[in-house]
Amino acid sequence: HGLIDLGVDGIITDYPDRLRAVMAKRGLPLPVPTPVDVER
């Protein structure tokens, strides 16, 4: 939450689902999800 409060331009995370949930809860615009091929 702290980085979002600071107004950073980007966040790299191992848990994009958690970051997306925080962003949605705060009413921030969400980027288009990147599809991942788990069959590879």
Protein backbone atom coordinates (compact mmCIF):
# COMPACT_ATOMS: atom_id res chain seq x y z
CA HIS A 1 0.00 0.00 0.00
CA GLY A 2 2.88 2.34 0.76
CA LEU A 3 4.23 2.41 -2.78
CA ILE A 4 0.82 3.24 -4.17
CA ASP A 5 0.48 6.04 -1.60
CA LEU A 6 3.84 7.43 -2.78
CA GLY A 7 2.54 7.56 -6.37
CA VAL A 8 5.11 5.28 -7.99
CA ASP A 9 4.88 4.75 -11.75
CA GLY A 10 5.10 0.97 -11.60
CA ILE A 11 5.28 -2.01 -9.28
CA ILE A 12 6.92 -5.35 -10.07
CA THR A 13 5.56 -8.21 -7.99
CA ASP A 14 5.50 -11.98 -7.73
CA TYR A 15 1.83 -11.67 -6.73
CA PRO A 16 0.03 -9.69 -9.46
CA ASP A 17 -3.35 -11.01 -8.31
CA ARG A 18 -2.85 -9.44 -4.88
CA LEU A 19 -1.72 -6.12 -6.34
CA ARG A 20 -4.69 -6.13 -8.72
CA ALA A 21 -7.06 -6.71 -5.77
CA VAL A 22 -5.54 -3.77 -3.86
CA MET A 23 -5.78 -1.52 -6.92
CA ALA A 24 -9.41 -2.52 -7.53
CA LYS A 25 -10.30 -1.90 -3.87
CA ARG A 26 -8.81 1.60 -4.13
CA GLY A 27 -10.67 2.32 -7.36
CA LEU A 28 -7.49 2.65 -9.41
CA PRO A 29 -7.54 1.92 -13.14
CA LEU A 30 -6.54 -1.68 -13.84
CA PRO A 31 -4.24 -2.64 -16.73
CA VAL A 32 -5.39 -5.23 -19.22
CA PRO A 33 -4.33 -8.67 -17.90
CA THR A 34 -1.55 -10.43 -19.80
CA PRO A 35 -2.56 -13.96 -20.79
CA VAL A 36 -0.16 -16.70 -19.69
CA ASP A 37 0.15 -20.08 -21.39
CA VAL A 38 0.54 -22.55 -18.52
CA GLU A 39 0.76 -25.51 -20.91
CA ARG A 40 4.35 -24.64 -21.90
